[in-house]
Amino acid sequence: MKFLVCDDEYANRLLTKSHLQMMGIESDETSSGADALKLLREGTYDAVIIDHSGLELAKKISPWPPSIILTWEGFIKETEGGLKKRTPGYMVKPVIAEKLKDELVKIFGDKKLK
């Protein structure tokens, strides 16, 4: 499996990629929505993990790979209301490995994850 991680904060990208690597998932990263769109058009990804600031990106990529939105506690209602129909999952930051795995199992099932 291969994912694209899009977050404007380097530390969040690094943490998310580390969790994915522990689950045996390869990932690419970018800090901007424009770069993410370019990568999505050029490559093949099984899913996209997008920071809350990338909400517009999630709208543009649907129905491309499943998307998981990373958000802060204060933005949960906005995330639920605006994207629940477009994205299969969302998580509150900081990214915790067990919660990320739970979201991925909901989307892909147990068999594809370590």
Protein backbone atom coordinates (compact mmCIF):
# COMPACT_ATOMS: atom_id res chain seq x y z
CA MET A 1 0.00 0.00 0.00
CA LYS A 2 1.11 3.55 -0.67
CA PHE A 3 -0.29 6.74 0.88
CA LEU A 4 0.18 10.45 0.33
CA VAL A 5 0.55 12.60 3.47
CA CYS A 6 -0.27 16.29 3.01
CA ASP A 7 0.28 18.59 5.99
CA ASP A 8 1.81 22.05 6.15
CA GLU A 9 3.61 21.20 9.41
CA TYR A 10 6.77 19.11 8.99
CA ALA A 11 6.52 17.52 12.46
CA ASN A 12 2.99 16.26 11.72
CA ARG A 13 4.09 14.80 8.38
CA LEU A 14 7.05 13.08 10.02
CA LEU A 15 4.91 11.62 12.81
CA THR A 16 2.21 10.39 10.41
CA LYS A 17 4.77 8.84 8.04
CA SER A 18 6.47 7.11 10.99
CA HIS A 19 3.17 5.56 12.10
CA LEU A 20 2.43 4.42 8.54
CA GLN A 21 5.91 2.90 8.21
CA MET A 22 5.36 0.88 11.42
CA MET A 23 2.22 -0.52 9.75
CA GLY A 24 4.17 -1.47 6.63
CA ILE A 25 2.70 1.34 4.52
CA GLU A 26 4.92 3.28 2.14
CA SER A 27 4.19 7.01 1.89
CA ASP A 28 5.13 10.18 0.08
CA GLU A 29 4.71 13.60 1.65
CA THR A 30 4.03 17.17 0.66
CA SER A 31 3.32 20.41 2.47
CA SER A 32 0.94 21.97 -0.05
CA GLY A 33 -2.36 21.13 -1.65
CA ALA A 34 -1.10 22.14 -5.10
CA ASP A 35 1.82 19.71 -4.83
CA ALA A 36 -0.51 17.01 -3.54
CA LEU A 37 -2.78 17.38 -6.56
CA LYS A 38 0.24 17.10 -8.85
CA LEU A 39 1.47 13.96 -7.07
CA LEU A 40 -2.00 12.43 -7.17
CA ARG A 41 -2.24 13.00 -10.91
CA GLU A 42 1.22 11.52 -11.50
CA GLY A 43 1.17 8.57 -9.10
CA THR A 44 -0.94 5.83 -7.65
CA TYR A 45 -1.99 6.12 -4.01
CA ASP A 46 -4.29 3.91 -1.97
CA ALA A 47 -5.23 6.79 0.34
CA VAL A 48 -4.49 10.42 1.17
CA ILE A 49 -4.04 11.76 4.69
CA ILE A 50 -4.74 15.50 4.64
CA ASP A 51 -4.35 18.22 7.25
CA HIS A 52 -7.47 20.24 8.07
CA SER A 53 -6.05 23.11 6.03
CA GLY A 54 -6.33 20.84 2.99
CA LEU A 55 -10.13 20.62 3.07
CA GLU A 56 -10.39 22.15 -0.39
CA LEU A 57 -7.95 19.52 -1.64
CA ALA A 58 -10.22 16.76 -0.32
CA LYS A 59 -13.08 18.25 -2.31
CA LYS A 60 -10.96 18.32 -5.47
CA ILE A 61 -9.65 14.77 -5.20
CA SER A 62 -12.97 13.07 -4.52
CA PRO A 63 -13.60 10.38 -5.83
CA TRP A 64 -9.87 9.70 -5.97
CA PRO A 65 -8.28 7.59 -3.22
CA PRO A 66 -9.97 7.52 0.19
CA SER A 67 -9.02 10.51 2.32
CA ILE A 68 -8.52 10.87 6.04
CA ILE A 69 -8.68 14.42 7.38
CA LEU A 70 -6.43 15.38 10.31
CA THR A 71 -8.06 18.11 12.36
CA TRP A 72 -7.80 19.90 15.69
CA GLU A 73 -10.40 19.47 18.42
CA GLY A 74 -12.00 22.84 17.66
CA PHE A 75 -12.66 21.95 14.02
CA ILE A 76 -14.44 18.62 14.51
CA LYS A 77 -17.94 19.94 13.77
CA GLU A 78 -16.75 21.75 10.65
CA THR A 79 -14.94 18.62 9.48
CA GLU A 80 -17.91 16.36 10.18
CA GLY A 81 -20.39 18.66 8.52
CA GLY A 82 -18.36 19.56 5.47
CA LEU A 83 -16.61 16.36 4.56
CA LYS A 84 -18.22 13.34 6.13
CA LYS A 85 -19.88 12.50 2.81
CA ARG A 86 -16.63 12.96 0.86
CA THR A 87 -14.04 11.31 3.08
CA PRO A 88 -14.23 7.98 4.85
CA GLY A 89 -12.34 9.12 7.93
CA TYR A 90 -11.02 11.88 10.10
CA MET A 91 -8.81 12.08 13.17
CA VAL A 92 -8.09 14.66 15.83
CA LYS A 93 -4.42 15.70 16.08
CA PRO A 94 -1.94 14.74 17.33
CA VAL A 95 -1.84 11.54 15.28
CA ILE A 96 -1.72 8.50 17.57
CA ALA A 97 -0.67 5.23 15.97
CA GLU A 98 -3.53 3.14 17.40
CA LYS A 99 -6.19 5.64 16.31
CA LEU A 100 -4.67 5.91 12.85
CA LYS A 101 -4.70 2.15 12.54
CA ASP A 102 -8.36 2.05 13.66
CA GLU A 103 -9.31 4.53 10.92
CA LEU A 104 -7.36 2.56 8.32
CA VAL A 105 -8.96 -0.73 9.39
CA LYS A 106 -12.40 0.89 8.90
CA ILE A 107 -11.42 1.75 5.34
CA PHE A 108 -9.25 -1.20 4.27
CA GLY A 109 -9.89 -3.99 6.76
CA ASP A 110 -7.34 -5.86 8.89
CA LYS A 111 -5.68 -7.91 6.17
CA LYS A 112 -3.75 -5.09 4.49
CA LEU A 113 -2.24 -3.69 7.69
CA LYS A 114 0.51 -5.01 9.99
